[in-house]
Amino acid sequence: MARKSTRNMIIDVAARLFATKGLRRTTMESIALEAGRGRRTVYMYFGNKAEIYEAVVQMEISRITDPLREIVRSDCDFETMLRRYAAERVARLYNLRQRNPLLLRDYA
């Protein structure tokens, strides 16, 4: 369990750094320092910054699509489902733009 939580913590830290410093100015070293871990630990989970970025993208996709799946699986009528789906998707993308505007172009 600690392994998964360390990996998730690295992803969360990287997402914050990508949002504030940008992808190019964020380094494996800065991710390790911000996470309070050594570079070796970060490299145990990710081979390079591109792998971390991909994990951040996947995390954000899940944050958007998981609630949308729940709406589609609901028992409401089609029109209600469509309205809820549209509103939820807009809200999720807005939240993403607030957290990390650089990532929004990878989704929109």
N, C-alpha and C. Protein backbone atom coordinates (compact mmCIF):
# COMPACT_ATOMS: atom_id res chain seq x y z
N MET A 1 0.82 -1.20 0.00
CA MET A 1 0.00 0.00 0.00
C MET A 1 0.86 1.26 0.00
N ALA A 2 1.97 1.25 0.74
CA ALA A 2 2.84 2.42 0.79
C ALA A 2 3.39 2.73 -0.59
N ARG A 3 3.65 1.69 -1.37
CA ARG A 3 4.18 1.89 -2.71
C ARG A 3 3.20 2.68 -3.57
N LYS A 4 1.93 2.31 -3.53
CA LYS A 4 0.94 3.02 -4.32
C LYS A 4 0.76 4.45 -3.82
N SER A 5 0.75 4.64 -2.51
CA SER A 5 0.56 5.99 -2.00
C SER A 5 1.76 6.89 -2.33
N THR A 6 2.97 6.34 -2.32
CA THR A 6 4.14 7.12 -2.71
C THR A 6 4.04 7.51 -4.18
N ARG A 7 3.64 6.57 -5.00
CA ARG A 7 3.48 6.85 -6.43
C ARG A 7 2.44 7.95 -6.64
N ASN A 8 1.31 7.83 -5.97
CA ASN A 8 0.25 8.84 -6.10
C ASN A 8 0.71 10.20 -5.58
N MET A 9 1.47 10.21 -4.50
CA MET A 9 1.98 11.45 -3.97
C MET A 9 2.92 12.12 -4.97
N ILE A 10 3.77 11.34 -5.62
CA ILE A 10 4.67 11.88 -6.64
C ILE A 10 3.86 12.48 -7.79
N ILE A 11 2.80 11.80 -8.19
CA ILE A 11 1.95 12.30 -9.27
C ILE A 11 1.29 13.62 -8.85
N ASP A 12 0.78 13.68 -7.63
CA ASP A 12 0.15 14.91 -7.15
C ASP A 12 1.14 16.07 -7.10
N VAL A 13 2.33 15.81 -6.60
CA VAL A 13 3.36 16.84 -6.54
C VAL A 13 3.73 17.29 -7.95
N ALA A 14 3.92 16.36 -8.84
CA ALA A 14 4.27 16.70 -10.22
C ALA A 14 3.17 17.54 -10.87
N ALA A 15 1.92 17.19 -10.63
CA ALA A 15 0.81 17.96 -11.20
C ALA A 15 0.87 19.41 -10.73
N ARG A 16 1.12 19.61 -9.43
CA ARG A 16 1.24 20.97 -8.89
C ARG A 16 2.41 21.72 -9.53
N LEU A 17 3.54 21.04 -9.65
CA LEU A 17 4.71 21.70 -10.25
C LEU A 17 4.49 22.01 -11.73
N PHE A 18 3.87 21.09 -12.46
CA PHE A 18 3.59 21.36 -13.86
C PHE A 18 2.68 22.58 -13.99
N ALA A 19 1.74 22.72 -13.06
CA ALA A 19 0.80 23.84 -13.09
C ALA A 19 1.47 25.17 -12.76
N THR A 20 2.42 25.15 -11.84
CA THR A 20 3.03 26.40 -11.39
C THR A 20 4.31 26.75 -12.15
N LYS A 21 5.12 25.76 -12.46
CA LYS A 21 6.40 26.02 -13.12
C LYS A 21 6.38 25.72 -14.61
N GLY A 22 5.43 24.92 -15.03
CA GLY A 22 5.39 24.50 -16.42
C GLY A 22 6.13 23.19 -16.60
N LEU A 23 5.82 22.53 -17.68
CA LEU A 23 6.41 21.22 -17.96
C LEU A 23 7.92 21.31 -18.15
N ARG A 24 8.36 22.26 -18.95
CA ARG A 24 9.80 22.33 -19.26
C ARG A 24 10.64 22.70 -18.05
N ARG A 25 10.14 23.55 -17.16
CA ARG A 25 10.94 23.98 -16.01
C ARG A 25 10.82 23.04 -14.82
N THR A 26 9.95 22.07 -14.90
CA THR A 26 9.85 21.07 -13.83
C THR A 26 10.83 19.95 -14.15
N THR A 27 11.65 19.61 -13.18
CA THR A 27 12.64 18.56 -13.38
C THR A 27 12.36 17.39 -12.44
N MET A 28 12.99 16.28 -12.73
CA MET A 28 12.88 15.13 -11.83
C MET A 28 13.40 15.52 -10.44
N GLU A 29 14.44 16.31 -10.42
CA GLU A 29 15.02 16.77 -9.15
C GLU A 29 14.01 17.62 -8.37
N SER A 30 13.36 18.55 -9.06
CA SER A 30 12.40 19.41 -8.35
C SER A 30 11.20 18.61 -7.86
N ILE A 31 10.79 17.61 -8.61
CA ILE A 31 9.69 16.74 -8.17
C ILE A 31 10.12 15.99 -6.91
N ALA A 32 11.33 15.43 -6.93
CA ALA A 32 11.83 14.69 -5.76
C ALA A 32 11.92 15.60 -4.54
N LEU A 33 12.48 16.80 -4.71
CA LEU A 33 12.61 17.72 -3.58
C LEU A 33 11.26 18.10 -3.01
N GLU A 34 10.32 18.46 -3.88
CA GLU A 34 8.99 18.86 -3.43
C GLU A 34 8.25 17.71 -2.75
N ALA A 35 8.51 16.48 -3.22
CA ALA A 35 7.86 15.30 -2.64
C ALA A 35 8.54 14.85 -1.35
N GLY A 36 9.70 15.42 -1.06
CA GLY A 36 10.42 15.01 0.14
C GLY A 36 11.03 13.62 -0.02
N ARG A 37 11.35 13.27 -1.23
CA ARG A 37 11.95 11.98 -1.54
C ARG A 37 13.24 12.21 -2.32
N GLY A 38 14.06 11.19 -2.38
CA GLY A 38 15.26 11.26 -3.19
C GLY A 38 14.94 11.01 -4.66
N ARG A 39 15.85 11.46 -5.51
CA ARG A 39 15.65 11.23 -6.95
C ARG A 39 15.53 9.74 -7.26
N ARG A 40 16.30 8.93 -6.56
CA ARG A 40 16.24 7.48 -6.79
C ARG A 40 14.84 6.93 -6.57
N THR A 41 14.18 7.45 -5.54
CA THR A 41 12.82 7.00 -5.25
C THR A 41 11.89 7.35 -6.41
N VAL A 42 12.01 8.57 -6.91
CA VAL A 42 11.17 8.99 -8.04
C VAL A 42 11.45 8.09 -9.24
N TYR A 43 12.71 7.79 -9.49
CA TYR A 43 13.06 6.94 -10.63
C TYR A 43 12.63 5.48 -10.43
N MET A 44 12.40 5.07 -9.18
CA MET A 44 11.86 3.72 -8.95
C MET A 44 10.45 3.60 -9.54
N TYR A 45 9.71 4.69 -9.52
CA TYR A 45 8.33 4.68 -9.98
C TYR A 45 8.18 5.13 -11.44
N PHE A 46 9.06 6.01 -11.88
CA PHE A 46 8.95 6.59 -13.22
C PHE A 46 10.33 6.67 -13.86
N GLY A 47 10.41 6.26 -15.10
CA GLY A 47 11.69 6.27 -15.80
C GLY A 47 12.15 7.65 -16.22
N ASN A 48 11.20 8.56 -16.41
CA ASN A 48 11.54 9.91 -16.83
C ASN A 48 10.34 10.84 -16.61
N LYS A 49 10.54 12.10 -16.90
CA LYS A 49 9.50 13.10 -16.67
C LYS A 49 8.29 12.85 -17.57
N ALA A 50 8.51 12.35 -18.77
CA ALA A 50 7.39 12.07 -19.68
C ALA A 50 6.44 11.03 -19.07
N GLU A 51 6.98 10.04 -18.39
CA GLU A 51 6.14 9.02 -17.73
C GLU A 51 5.32 9.64 -16.60
N ILE A 52 5.93 10.56 -15.87
CA ILE A 52 5.18 11.23 -14.80
C ILE A 52 4.08 12.09 -15.41
N TYR A 53 4.40 12.80 -16.47
CA TYR A 53 3.39 13.64 -17.12
C TYR A 53 2.23 12.79 -17.61
N GLU A 54 2.52 11.65 -18.20
CA GLU A 54 1.47 10.74 -18.66
C GLU A 54 0.60 10.28 -17.49
N ALA A 55 1.22 10.01 -16.36
CA ALA A 55 0.46 9.60 -15.17
C ALA A 55 -0.43 10.75 -14.67
N VAL A 56 0.07 11.97 -14.75
CA VAL A 56 -0.73 13.14 -14.36
C VAL A 56 -1.92 13.27 -15.30
N VAL A 57 -1.68 13.11 -16.59
CA VAL A 57 -2.76 13.19 -17.58
C VAL A 57 -3.80 12.12 -17.31
N GLN A 58 -3.37 10.89 -17.04
CA GLN A 58 -4.31 9.81 -16.75
C GLN A 58 -5.11 10.08 -15.48
N MET A 59 -4.46 10.65 -14.46
CA MET A 59 -5.17 11.00 -13.23
C MET A 59 -6.26 12.03 -13.52
N GLU A 60 -5.92 13.03 -14.30
CA GLU A 60 -6.90 14.08 -14.62
C GLU A 60 -8.03 13.54 -15.49
N ILE A 61 -7.71 12.65 -16.41
CA ILE A 61 -8.76 12.04 -17.23
C ILE A 61 -9.73 11.28 -16.34
N SER A 62 -9.21 10.55 -15.37
CA SER A 62 -10.08 9.81 -14.45
C SER A 62 -10.95 10.74 -13.63
N ARG A 63 -10.39 11.86 -13.20
CA ARG A 63 -11.17 12.83 -12.43
C ARG A 63 -12.35 13.36 -13.25
N ILE A 64 -12.17 13.41 -14.56
CA ILE A 64 -13.24 13.90 -15.43
C ILE A 64 -14.20 12.79 -15.80
N THR A 65 -13.68 11.64 -16.20
CA THR A 65 -14.54 10.61 -16.77
C THR A 65 -15.26 9.73 -15.75
N ASP A 66 -14.68 9.52 -14.59
CA ASP A 66 -15.34 8.65 -13.59
C ASP A 66 -16.73 9.17 -13.21
N PRO A 67 -16.87 10.46 -12.87
CA PRO A 67 -18.22 10.95 -12.56
C PRO A 67 -19.16 10.90 -13.76
N LEU A 68 -18.61 11.08 -14.96
CA LEU A 68 -19.45 11.03 -16.16
C LEU A 68 -19.98 9.62 -16.39
N ARG A 69 -19.16 8.63 -16.12
CA ARG A 69 -19.62 7.23 -16.24
C ARG A 69 -20.78 6.95 -15.29
N GLU A 70 -20.68 7.49 -14.09
CA GLU A 70 -21.76 7.30 -13.12
C GLU A 70 -23.06 7.91 -13.61
N ILE A 71 -22.98 9.05 -14.23
CA ILE A 71 -24.18 9.69 -14.78
C ILE A 71 -24.79 8.83 -15.87
N VAL A 72 -23.95 8.32 -16.76
CA VAL A 72 -24.45 7.48 -17.86
C VAL A 72 -25.09 6.20 -17.33
N ARG A 73 -24.57 5.67 -16.24
CA ARG A 73 -25.11 4.43 -15.65
C ARG A 73 -26.39 4.67 -14.82
N SER A 74 -26.71 5.92 -14.58
CA SER A 74 -27.88 6.21 -13.74
C SER A 74 -29.17 5.82 -14.45
N ASP A 75 -30.23 5.75 -13.68
CA ASP A 75 -31.53 5.32 -14.21
C ASP A 75 -32.41 6.48 -14.68
N CYS A 76 -31.85 7.65 -14.83
CA CYS A 76 -32.69 8.78 -15.23
C CYS A 76 -32.99 8.74 -16.73
N ASP A 77 -33.98 9.51 -17.14
CA ASP A 77 -34.34 9.54 -18.56
C ASP A 77 -33.22 10.18 -19.36
N PHE A 78 -33.24 9.97 -20.67
CA PHE A 78 -32.14 10.38 -21.54
C PHE A 78 -31.89 11.89 -21.48
N GLU A 79 -32.94 12.68 -21.53
CA GLU A 79 -32.76 14.14 -21.52
C GLU A 79 -32.12 14.61 -20.22
N THR A 80 -32.58 14.08 -19.11
CA THR A 80 -32.00 14.44 -17.81
C THR A 80 -30.54 14.00 -17.74
N MET A 81 -30.27 12.79 -18.21
CA MET A 81 -28.90 12.29 -18.21
C MET A 81 -28.01 13.19 -19.06
N LEU A 82 -28.49 13.57 -20.23
CA LEU A 82 -27.70 14.41 -21.12
C LEU A 82 -27.41 15.77 -20.50
N ARG A 83 -28.39 16.36 -19.86
CA ARG A 83 -28.19 17.65 -19.19
C ARG A 83 -27.19 17.53 -18.03
N ARG A 84 -27.35 16.50 -17.22
CA ARG A 84 -26.43 16.29 -16.11
C ARG A 84 -25.01 16.02 -16.62
N TYR A 85 -24.90 15.22 -17.67
CA TYR A 85 -23.61 14.89 -18.26
C TYR A 85 -22.91 16.17 -18.75
N ALA A 86 -23.64 16.98 -19.50
CA ALA A 86 -23.06 18.21 -20.05
C ALA A 86 -22.62 19.15 -18.92
N ALA A 87 -23.48 19.32 -17.93
CA ALA A 87 -23.14 20.21 -16.82
C ALA A 87 -21.92 19.70 -16.05
N GLU A 88 -21.88 18.41 -15.81
CA GLU A 88 -20.75 17.83 -15.07
C GLU A 88 -19.46 17.94 -15.86
N ARG A 89 -19.53 17.70 -17.14
CA ARG A 89 -18.31 17.78 -17.96
C ARG A 89 -17.78 19.22 -17.98
N VAL A 90 -18.65 20.18 -18.16
CA VAL A 90 -18.22 21.58 -18.14
C VAL A 90 -17.60 21.92 -16.78
N ALA A 91 -18.24 21.50 -15.71
CA ALA A 91 -17.72 21.78 -14.36
C ALA A 91 -16.34 21.14 -14.17
N ARG A 92 -16.19 19.90 -14.61
CA ARG A 92 -14.91 19.20 -14.44
C ARG A 92 -13.80 19.88 -15.25
N LEU A 93 -14.10 20.29 -16.48
CA LEU A 93 -13.09 20.96 -17.30
C LEU A 93 -12.76 22.34 -16.72
N TYR A 94 -13.75 23.02 -16.19
CA TYR A 94 -13.50 24.30 -15.53
C TYR A 94 -12.57 24.11 -14.33
N ASN A 95 -12.85 23.09 -13.52
CA ASN A 95 -11.99 22.80 -12.37
C ASN A 95 -10.57 22.47 -12.80
N LEU A 96 -10.43 21.72 -13.89
CA LEU A 96 -9.10 21.41 -14.41
C LEU A 96 -8.39 22.69 -14.83
N ARG A 97 -9.11 23.56 -15.50
CA ARG A 97 -8.50 24.82 -15.93
C ARG A 97 -8.04 25.64 -14.72
N GLN A 98 -8.78 25.58 -13.64
CA GLN A 98 -8.39 26.29 -12.42
C GLN A 98 -7.15 25.67 -11.79
N ARG A 99 -7.08 24.34 -11.76
CA ARG A 99 -5.95 23.64 -11.15
C ARG A 99 -4.70 23.69 -12.02
N ASN A 100 -4.89 23.44 -13.30
CA ASN A 100 -3.73 23.31 -14.18
C ASN A 100 -4.11 23.66 -15.61
N PRO A 101 -4.05 24.93 -15.96
CA PRO A 101 -4.46 25.34 -17.30
C PRO A 101 -3.61 24.73 -18.42
N LEU A 102 -2.37 24.36 -18.11
CA LEU A 102 -1.52 23.77 -19.13
C LEU A 102 -2.03 22.40 -19.58
N LEU A 103 -2.68 21.67 -18.68
CA LEU A 103 -3.17 20.36 -19.02
C LEU A 103 -4.45 20.39 -19.83
N LEU A 104 -5.18 21.48 -19.76
CA LEU A 104 -6.48 21.55 -20.42
C LEU A 104 -6.38 21.25 -21.91
N ARG A 105 -5.32 21.71 -22.56
CA ARG A 105 -5.20 21.47 -24.00
C ARG A 105 -5.04 19.98 -24.32
N ASP A 106 -4.59 19.18 -23.37
CA ASP A 106 -4.48 17.74 -23.62
C ASP A 106 -5.82 17.04 -23.55
N TYR A 107 -6.84 17.71 -23.05
CA TYR A 107 -8.17 17.11 -22.93
C TYR A 107 -9.17 17.70 -23.90
N ALA A 108 -9.13 19.01 -24.07
CA ALA A 108 -10.16 19.68 -24.86
C ALA A 108 -9.96 19.37 -26.32
